[in-house]
């Protein structure tokens, strides 16, 4: 990682912050991107990185961030598209789907799905010349159902499918695209009701180590899940019986 360039979205806290720390500790120069300017700038100062404010739901913002990263540090070798939210703020009551407002619907899709598309669209053409990897944060909720937040689950299903499909579309190219699917991680978006011992809550640093490994060593198209009680494992595409 020495002198490599990395860009991380959702980098002000949680998994993204730990990924930025571990990349920086390994010698990478890191651009930290987040809507939380105070926390993001403080962490960037701590790590000797660059903070660039960014709302990933807006393509023009992501395009600007990538341009600033190139100007300040260079074209990224690695990118972690990590920004994500749940439908309601942490510890607000979950909503029946019919009670979700159109603004809430558009907001979670804008961050969780549009944000990934915007990142790949802006980064992939620039990264092809030097090669590298883009790792997308999804969730184990993208393999099944999450009744308390169907939209969160839907966006993570979509991100997994998007990552696999774009990876196959670019098979044989210089940029590997893969997906990390965490179980429950001790981050700001996780409600208190999910923090009991039965959920196997992981520290962000544990997840960050998987992300860094995927960036360095993960296969193109790999979708990897990580639970607290077992090593990370690749999840194959569903067998449709074809």
C-alpha atoms as a PDB file:
ATOM      1  CA  UNK A   1       0.000   0.000   0.000  1.00  0.00           C
ATOM      2  CA  UNK A   2       3.009   2.308   0.256  1.00  0.00           C
ATOM      3  CA  UNK A   3       2.287   5.481  -1.738  1.00  0.00           C
ATOM      4  CA  UNK A   4      -0.911   4.038  -3.199  1.00  0.00           C
ATOM      5  CA  UNK A   5      -3.858   6.407  -3.490  1.00  0.00           C
ATOM      6  CA  UNK A   6      -7.238   5.508  -2.020  1.00  0.00           C
ATOM      7  CA  UNK A   7     -10.638   7.183  -1.970  1.00  0.00           C
ATOM      8  CA  UNK A   8     -13.214   6.246   0.684  1.00  0.00           C
ATOM      9  CA  UNK A   9     -16.820   7.449   0.849  1.00  0.00           C
ATOM     10  CA  UNK A  10     -18.695   7.449   4.128  1.00  0.00           C
ATOM     11  CA  UNK A  11     -15.265   7.922   5.673  1.00  0.00           C
ATOM     12  CA  UNK A  12     -16.086  10.116   8.672  1.00  0.00           C
ATOM     13  CA  UNK A  13     -17.212   7.264  10.937  1.00  0.00           C
ATOM     14  CA  UNK A  14     -17.834   3.546  11.232  1.00  0.00           C
ATOM     15  CA  UNK A  15     -16.418   1.135   8.671  1.00  0.00           C
ATOM     16  CA  UNK A  16     -15.242   3.875   6.331  1.00  0.00           C
ATOM     17  CA  UNK A  17     -13.253   5.620   9.050  1.00  0.00           C
ATOM     18  CA  UNK A  18     -11.536   2.364  10.030  1.00  0.00           C
ATOM     19  CA  UNK A  19     -10.763   1.562   6.392  1.00  0.00           C
ATOM     20  CA  UNK A  20      -9.189   5.012   6.046  1.00  0.00           C
ATOM     21  CA  UNK A  21      -7.137   4.391   9.202  1.00  0.00           C
ATOM     22  CA  UNK A  22      -5.910   0.983   8.057  1.00  0.00           C
ATOM     23  CA  UNK A  23      -5.093   2.173   4.540  1.00  0.00           C
ATOM     24  CA  UNK A  24      -3.213   5.139   5.933  1.00  0.00           C
ATOM     25  CA  UNK A  25      -1.334   2.953   8.430  1.00  0.00           C
ATOM     26  CA  UNK A  26      -0.273   0.748   5.505  1.00  0.00           C
ATOM     27  CA  UNK A  27       1.216   3.730   3.706  1.00  0.00           C
ATOM     28  CA  UNK A  28      -1.576   4.792   1.371  1.00  0.00           C
ATOM     29  CA  UNK A  29      -2.541   8.406   0.780  1.00  0.00           C
ATOM     30  CA  UNK A  30      -6.268   8.642   1.452  1.00  0.00           C
ATOM     31  CA  UNK A  31      -9.035  10.975   0.292  1.00  0.00           C
ATOM     32  CA  UNK A  32     -11.821  10.838   2.893  1.00  0.00           C
ATOM     33  CA  UNK A  33     -15.277  11.780   1.601  1.00  0.00           C
ATOM     34  CA  UNK A  34     -18.408  12.351   3.690  1.00  0.00           C
ATOM     35  CA  UNK A  35     -21.291  14.733   4.358  1.00  0.00           C
ATOM     36  CA  UNK A  36     -20.057  15.092   7.959  1.00  0.00           C
ATOM     37  CA  UNK A  37     -17.487  17.793   7.373  1.00  0.00           C
ATOM     38  CA  UNK A  38     -16.357  18.272  10.982  1.00  0.00           C
ATOM     39  CA  UNK A  39     -15.678  14.590  11.716  1.00  0.00           C
ATOM     40  CA  UNK A  40     -14.284  13.909   8.263  1.00  0.00           C
ATOM     41  CA  UNK A  41     -11.884  16.845   8.334  1.00  0.00           C
ATOM     42  CA  UNK A  42     -10.703  15.944  11.844  1.00  0.00           C
ATOM     43  CA  UNK A  43      -9.958  12.363  10.837  1.00  0.00           C
ATOM     44  CA  UNK A  44      -8.190  13.479   7.668  1.00  0.00           C
ATOM     45  CA  UNK A  45      -5.966  15.753   9.759  1.00  0.00           C
ATOM     46  CA  UNK A  46      -5.251  12.896  12.160  1.00  0.00           C
ATOM     47  CA  UNK A  47      -4.260  10.591   9.307  1.00  0.00           C
ATOM     48  CA  UNK A  48      -2.473  13.116   7.138  1.00  0.00           C
ATOM     49  CA  UNK A  49      -5.097  12.547   4.445  1.00  0.00           C
ATOM     50  CA  UNK A  50      -7.331  14.819   2.406  1.00  0.00           C
ATOM     51  CA  UNK A  51     -10.955  15.497   3.322  1.00  0.00           C
ATOM     52  CA  UNK A  52     -13.407  16.315   0.534  1.00  0.00           C
ATOM     53  CA  UNK A  53     -17.033  16.992   1.464  1.00  0.00           C
ATOM     54  CA  UNK A  54     -19.423  14.949  -0.642  1.00  0.00           C
ATOM     55  CA  UNK A  55     -23.100  14.026  -0.888  1.00  0.00           C
ATOM     56  CA  UNK A  56     -22.846  10.803  -2.873  1.00  0.00           C
ATOM     57  CA  UNK A  57     -26.500  10.998  -3.927  1.00  0.00           C
ATOM     58  CA  UNK A  58     -25.565  13.799  -6.353  1.00  0.00           C
ATOM     59  CA  UNK A  59     -23.464  12.802  -9.367  1.00  0.00           C
ATOM     60  CA  UNK A  60     -22.032  16.281  -9.819  1.00  0.00           C
ATOM     61  CA  UNK A  61     -20.764  16.131  -6.225  1.00  0.00           C
ATOM     62  CA  UNK A  62     -19.104  12.763  -6.746  1.00  0.00           C
ATOM     63  CA  UNK A  63     -17.610  13.892 -10.048  1.00  0.00           C
ATOM     64  CA  UNK A  64     -16.199  16.976  -8.288  1.00  0.00           C
ATOM     65  CA  UNK A  65     -14.759  14.863  -5.467  1.00  0.00           C
ATOM     66  CA  UNK A  66     -13.005  12.525  -7.871  1.00  0.00           C
ATOM     67  CA  UNK A  67     -11.582  15.522  -9.717  1.00  0.00           C
ATOM     68  CA  UNK A  68     -10.308  17.042  -6.464  1.00  0.00           C
ATOM     69  CA  UNK A  69      -8.781  13.717  -5.432  1.00  0.00           C
ATOM     70  CA  UNK A  70      -6.918  13.533  -8.739  1.00  0.00           C
ATOM     71  CA  UNK A  71      -5.689  17.118  -8.333  1.00  0.00           C
ATOM     72  CA  UNK A  72      -4.558  16.730  -4.713  1.00  0.00           C
ATOM     73  CA  UNK A  73      -3.297  13.128  -4.669  1.00  0.00           C
ATOM     74  CA  UNK A  74      -3.591  11.552  -8.111  1.00  0.00           C
ATOM     75  CA  UNK A  75      -5.836   8.938  -9.699  1.00  0.00           C
ATOM     76  CA  UNK A  76      -6.923   6.423  -7.058  1.00  0.00           C
ATOM     77  CA  UNK A  77      -5.502   2.913  -7.075  1.00  0.00           C
ATOM     78  CA  UNK A  78      -8.273   1.845  -4.703  1.00  0.00           C
ATOM     79  CA  UNK A  79     -11.778   3.077  -3.938  1.00  0.00           C
ATOM     80  CA  UNK A  80     -14.141   1.988  -1.195  1.00  0.00           C
ATOM     81  CA  UNK A  81     -17.718   3.033  -1.966  1.00  0.00           C
ATOM     82  CA  UNK A  82     -19.036   2.745   1.546  1.00  0.00           C
ATOM     83  CA  UNK A  83     -21.575   5.520   2.224  1.00  0.00           C
ATOM     84  CA  UNK A  84     -24.902   4.090   3.389  1.00  0.00           C
ATOM     85  CA  UNK A  85     -27.985   4.831   5.490  1.00  0.00           C
ATOM     86  CA  UNK A  86     -31.142   3.153   6.746  1.00  0.00           C
ATOM     87  CA  UNK A  87     -34.618   4.473   5.923  1.00  0.00           C
ATOM     88  CA  UNK A  88     -35.080   6.247   9.265  1.00  0.00           C
ATOM     89  CA  UNK A  89     -32.494   7.870  11.536  1.00  0.00           C
ATOM     90  CA  UNK A  90     -30.880   5.693  14.184  1.00  0.00           C
ATOM     91  CA  UNK A  91     -33.318   4.613  16.906  1.00  0.00           C
ATOM     92  CA  UNK A  92     -36.327   6.302  15.295  1.00  0.00           C
ATOM     93  CA  UNK A  93     -39.248   3.857  15.108  1.00  0.00           C
ATOM     94  CA  UNK A  94     -39.163   1.666  12.015  1.00  0.00           C
ATOM     95  CA  UNK A  95     -41.949   2.409   9.545  1.00  0.00           C
ATOM     96  CA  UNK A  96     -44.411   0.173   7.753  1.00  0.00           C
ATOM     97  CA  UNK A  97     -43.637   0.478   4.062  1.00  0.00           C
ATOM     98  CA  UNK A  98     -46.894   2.357   3.402  1.00  0.00           C
ATOM     99  CA  UNK A  99     -45.810   4.984   5.950  1.00  0.00           C
ATOM    100  CA  UNK A 100     -42.459   5.672   4.297  1.00  0.00           C
ATOM    101  CA  UNK A 101     -42.567   9.076   2.632  1.00  0.00           C
ATOM    102  CA  UNK A 102     -41.494   9.574  -0.962  1.00  0.00           C
ATOM    103  CA  UNK A 103     -38.673  11.803   0.276  1.00  0.00           C
ATOM    104  CA  UNK A 104     -37.406   9.008   2.576  1.00  0.00           C
ATOM    105  CA  UNK A 105     -37.642   6.530  -0.300  1.00  0.00           C
ATOM    106  CA  UNK A 106     -35.700   8.762  -2.659  1.00  0.00           C
ATOM    107  CA  UNK A 107     -33.117   9.596   0.014  1.00  0.00           C
ATOM    108  CA  UNK A 108     -32.147   6.003   0.840  1.00  0.00           C
ATOM    109  CA  UNK A 109     -32.007   5.035  -2.834  1.00  0.00           C
ATOM    110  CA  UNK A 110     -29.985   8.169  -3.550  1.00  0.00           C
ATOM    111  CA  UNK A 111     -27.320   7.328  -0.975  1.00  0.00           C
ATOM    112  CA  UNK A 112     -27.218   3.519  -1.026  1.00  0.00           C
ATOM    113  CA  UNK A 113     -27.715   2.808  -4.731  1.00  0.00           C
ATOM    114  CA  UNK A 114     -27.217   6.020  -6.704  1.00  0.00           C
ATOM    115  CA  UNK A 115     -24.103   6.731  -4.628  1.00  0.00           C
ATOM    116  CA  UNK A 116     -22.517   3.472  -5.765  1.00  0.00           C
ATOM    117  CA  UNK A 117     -23.448   4.064  -9.408  1.00  0.00           C
ATOM    118  CA  UNK A 118     -22.098   7.607  -9.234  1.00  0.00           C
ATOM    119  CA  UNK A 119     -18.816   6.391  -7.764  1.00  0.00           C
ATOM    120  CA  UNK A 120     -18.283   3.663 -10.337  1.00  0.00           C
ATOM    121  CA  UNK A 121     -19.272   5.964 -13.208  1.00  0.00           C
ATOM    122  CA  UNK A 122     -16.850   8.674 -12.134  1.00  0.00           C
ATOM    123  CA  UNK A 123     -13.945   6.442 -11.094  1.00  0.00           C
ATOM    124  CA  UNK A 124     -13.824   3.533 -13.510  1.00  0.00           C
ATOM    125  CA  UNK A 125     -12.723   5.425 -16.656  1.00  0.00           C
ATOM    126  CA  UNK A 126      -9.921   7.166 -14.747  1.00  0.00           C
ATOM    127  CA  UNK A 127      -8.706   4.062 -12.910  1.00  0.00           C
ATOM    128  CA  UNK A 128      -8.444   1.840 -16.001  1.00  0.00           C
ATOM    129  CA  UNK A 129      -5.083   3.240 -17.107  1.00  0.00           C
ATOM    130  CA  UNK A 130      -3.231   2.352 -13.897  1.00  0.00           C
ATOM    131  CA  UNK A 131      -5.489  -0.461 -12.633  1.00  0.00           C
ATOM    132  CA  UNK A 132      -6.673  -1.153  -9.124  1.00  0.00           C
ATOM    133  CA  UNK A 133      -9.840  -2.113  -7.310  1.00  0.00           C
ATOM    134  CA  UNK A 134     -13.230  -0.741  -6.295  1.00  0.00           C
ATOM    135  CA  UNK A 135     -14.893  -2.375  -3.301  1.00  0.00           C
ATOM    136  CA  UNK A 136     -18.580  -1.663  -2.638  1.00  0.00           C
ATOM    137  CA  UNK A 137     -20.202  -1.984   0.778  1.00  0.00           C
ATOM    138  CA  UNK A 138     -23.468  -3.954   0.681  1.00  0.00           C
ATOM    139  CA  UNK A 139     -24.828  -6.054   3.584  1.00  0.00           C
ATOM    140  CA  UNK A 140     -25.883  -9.573   4.456  1.00  0.00           C
ATOM    141  CA  UNK A 141     -29.370  -8.008   4.289  1.00  0.00           C
ATOM    142  CA  UNK A 142     -28.812  -8.121   0.525  1.00  0.00           C
ATOM    143  CA  UNK A 143     -29.077 -11.928   0.553  1.00  0.00           C
ATOM    144  CA  UNK A 144     -32.384 -12.223   2.374  1.00  0.00           C
ATOM    145  CA  UNK A 145     -35.110 -10.183   4.030  1.00  0.00           C
ATOM    146  CA  UNK A 146     -35.017  -7.396   6.607  1.00  0.00           C
ATOM    147  CA  UNK A 147     -38.666  -6.900   7.582  1.00  0.00           C
ATOM    148  CA  UNK A 148     -37.996  -3.825   9.729  1.00  0.00           C
ATOM    149  CA  UNK A 149     -36.439  -1.959   6.786  1.00  0.00           C
ATOM    150  CA  UNK A 150     -37.407  -3.370   3.372  1.00  0.00           C
ATOM    151  CA  UNK A 151     -35.867  -0.458   1.505  1.00  0.00           C
ATOM    152  CA  UNK A 152     -32.468  -0.959   3.123  1.00  0.00           C
ATOM    153  CA  UNK A 153     -32.598  -4.627   2.151  1.00  0.00           C
ATOM    154  CA  UNK A 154     -33.719  -3.740  -1.385  1.00  0.00           C
ATOM    155  CA  UNK A 155     -30.839  -1.326  -1.913  1.00  0.00           C
ATOM    156  CA  UNK A 156     -28.328  -3.909  -0.721  1.00  0.00           C
ATOM    157  CA  UNK A 157     -29.780  -6.616  -3.006  1.00  0.00           C
ATOM    158  CA  UNK A 158     -29.425  -4.090  -5.830  1.00  0.00           C
ATOM    159  CA  UNK A 159     -25.846  -3.165  -4.942  1.00  0.00           C
ATOM    160  CA  UNK A 160     -24.781  -6.822  -4.922  1.00  0.00           C
ATOM    161  CA  UNK A 161     -26.332  -7.388  -8.341  1.00  0.00           C
ATOM    162  CA  UNK A 162     -24.851  -4.179  -9.682  1.00  0.00           C
ATOM    163  CA  UNK A 163     -21.369  -5.003  -8.433  1.00  0.00           C
ATOM    164  CA  UNK A 164     -21.406  -8.517  -9.859  1.00  0.00           C
ATOM    165  CA  UNK A 165     -22.786  -7.336 -13.199  1.00  0.00           C
ATOM    166  CA  UNK A 166     -20.352  -4.451 -13.682  1.00  0.00           C
ATOM    167  CA  UNK A 167     -17.493  -6.753 -12.711  1.00  0.00           C
ATOM    168  CA  UNK A 168     -18.500  -9.261 -15.401  1.00  0.00           C
ATOM    169  CA  UNK A 169     -18.948  -6.470 -17.929  1.00  0.00           C
ATOM    170  CA  UNK A 170     -15.331  -5.467 -17.234  1.00  0.00           C
ATOM    171  CA  UNK A 171     -13.893  -8.997 -16.946  1.00  0.00           C
ATOM    172  CA  UNK A 172     -10.292  -9.061 -18.137  1.00  0.00           C
ATOM    173  CA  UNK A 173      -9.841  -5.353 -17.489  1.00  0.00           C
ATOM    174  CA  UNK A 174      -7.400  -3.636 -15.164  1.00  0.00           C
ATOM    175  CA  UNK A 175      -9.880  -2.698 -12.398  1.00  0.00           C
ATOM    176  CA  UNK A 176     -11.322  -5.339 -10.095  1.00  0.00           C
ATOM    177  CA  UNK A 177     -14.811  -4.641  -8.771  1.00  0.00           C
ATOM    178  CA  UNK A 178     -16.056  -6.559  -5.743  1.00  0.00           C
ATOM    179  CA  UNK A 179     -18.524  -6.324  -2.872  1.00  0.00           C
ATOM    180  CA  UNK A 180     -18.265  -6.655   0.906  1.00  0.00           C
ATOM    181  CA  UNK A 181     -21.357  -7.762   2.858  1.00  0.00           C
ATOM    182  CA  UNK A 182     -21.056  -7.103   6.588  1.00  0.00           C
ATOM    183  CA  UNK A 183     -23.175  -8.621   9.276  1.00  0.00           C
ATOM    184  CA  UNK A 184     -24.086  -6.283  12.140  1.00  0.00           C
ATOM    185  CA  UNK A 185     -21.305  -3.774  12.776  1.00  0.00           C
ATOM    186  CA  UNK A 186     -21.050  -1.272  15.608  1.00  0.00           C
ATOM    187  CA  UNK A 187     -21.677   1.856  13.527  1.00  0.00           C
ATOM    188  CA  UNK A 188     -23.861   4.937  13.881  1.00  0.00           C
ATOM    189  CA  UNK A 189     -26.659   3.618  11.634  1.00  0.00           C
ATOM    190  CA  UNK A 190     -27.237   0.437  13.672  1.00  0.00           C
ATOM    191  CA  UNK A 191     -30.204   0.794  16.060  1.00  0.00           C
ATOM    192  CA  UNK A 192     -29.853  -0.195  19.709  1.00  0.00           C
ATOM    193  CA  UNK A 193     -32.314  -3.056  19.159  1.00  0.00           C
ATOM    194  CA  UNK A 194     -29.696  -4.753  16.943  1.00  0.00           C
ATOM    195  CA  UNK A 195     -26.883  -4.559  19.482  1.00  0.00           C
ATOM    196  CA  UNK A 196     -27.766  -7.596  21.617  1.00  0.00           C
ATOM    197  CA  UNK A 197     -25.327 -10.521  21.841  1.00  0.00           C
ATOM    198  CA  UNK A 198     -27.551 -12.618  19.581  1.00  0.00           C
ATOM    199  CA  UNK A 199     -26.683 -10.328  16.649  1.00  0.00           C
ATOM    200  CA  UNK A 200     -22.914 -10.863  16.847  1.00  0.00           C
ATOM    201  CA  UNK A 201     -22.043  -7.188  16.604  1.00  0.00           C
ATOM    202  CA  UNK A 202     -18.562  -6.623  15.185  1.00  0.00           C
ATOM    203  CA  UNK A 203     -16.192  -3.718  15.755  1.00  0.00           C
ATOM    204  CA  UNK A 204     -15.645  -1.590  12.632  1.00  0.00           C
ATOM    205  CA  UNK A 205     -11.950  -2.461  12.589  1.00  0.00           C
ATOM    206  CA  UNK A 206     -12.795  -6.137  12.020  1.00  0.00           C
ATOM    207  CA  UNK A 207     -14.834  -5.253   8.952  1.00  0.00           C
ATOM    208  CA  UNK A 208     -12.250  -2.780   7.716  1.00  0.00           C
ATOM    209  CA  UNK A 209      -9.609  -5.511   7.606  1.00  0.00           C
ATOM    210  CA  UNK A 210     -11.841  -7.484   5.207  1.00  0.00           C
ATOM    211  CA  UNK A 211     -12.310  -4.417   3.031  1.00  0.00           C
ATOM    212  CA  UNK A 212      -8.585  -3.756   2.831  1.00  0.00           C
ATOM    213  CA  UNK A 213      -7.976  -7.390   1.933  1.00  0.00           C
ATOM    214  CA  UNK A 214     -10.613  -7.228  -0.821  1.00  0.00           C
ATOM    215  CA  UNK A 215      -9.064  -4.058  -2.201  1.00  0.00           C
ATOM    216  CA  UNK A 216      -5.648  -5.703  -2.330  1.00  0.00           C
ATOM    217  CA  UNK A 217      -6.467  -9.334  -3.070  1.00  0.00           C
ATOM    218  CA  UNK A 218     -10.166  -9.803  -3.843  1.00  0.00           C
ATOM    219  CA  UNK A 219     -11.161 -11.313  -7.157  1.00  0.00           C
ATOM    220  CA  UNK A 220     -13.077  -9.355  -9.760  1.00  0.00           C
ATOM    221  CA  UNK A 221     -16.767 -10.021  -9.124  1.00  0.00           C
ATOM    222  CA  UNK A 222     -16.180 -11.490  -5.663  1.00  0.00           C
ATOM    223  CA  UNK A 223     -18.971 -10.966  -3.148  1.00  0.00           C
ATOM    224  CA  UNK A 224     -17.652 -11.593   0.347  1.00  0.00           C
ATOM    225  CA  UNK A 225     -19.657 -11.820   3.572  1.00  0.00           C
ATOM    226  CA  UNK A 226     -18.213 -11.312   7.031  1.00  0.00           C
ATOM    227  CA  UNK A 227     -19.808 -12.382  10.305  1.00  0.00           C
ATOM    228  CA  UNK A 228     -18.272 -11.993  13.741  1.00  0.00           C
ATOM    229  CA  UNK A 229     -17.924 -15.702  14.446  1.00  0.00           C
ATOM    230  CA  UNK A 230     -16.314 -16.835  11.192  1.00  0.00           C
ATOM    231  CA  UNK A 231     -13.734 -15.708   8.644  1.00  0.00           C
ATOM    232  CA  UNK A 232     -14.881 -13.823   5.573  1.00  0.00           C
ATOM    233  CA  UNK A 233     -16.306 -16.107   2.896  1.00  0.00           C
ATOM    234  CA  UNK A 234     -17.207 -15.706  -0.767  1.00  0.00           C
ATOM    235  CA  UNK A 235     -20.911 -15.970  -1.622  1.00  0.00           C
ATOM    236  CA  UNK A 236     -21.508 -17.501  -5.066  1.00  0.00           C
ATOM    237  CA  UNK A 237     -24.298 -16.273  -7.358  1.00  0.00           C
ATOM    238  CA  UNK A 238     -27.656 -17.940  -6.740  1.00  0.00           C
ATOM    239  CA  UNK A 239     -28.259 -21.173  -8.617  1.00  0.00           C
ATOM    240  CA  UNK A 240     -31.341 -20.544 -10.731  1.00  0.00           C
ATOM    241  CA  UNK A 241     -31.405 -24.101 -12.020  1.00  0.00           C
ATOM    242  CA  UNK A 242     -30.513 -23.052 -15.549  1.00  0.00           C
END
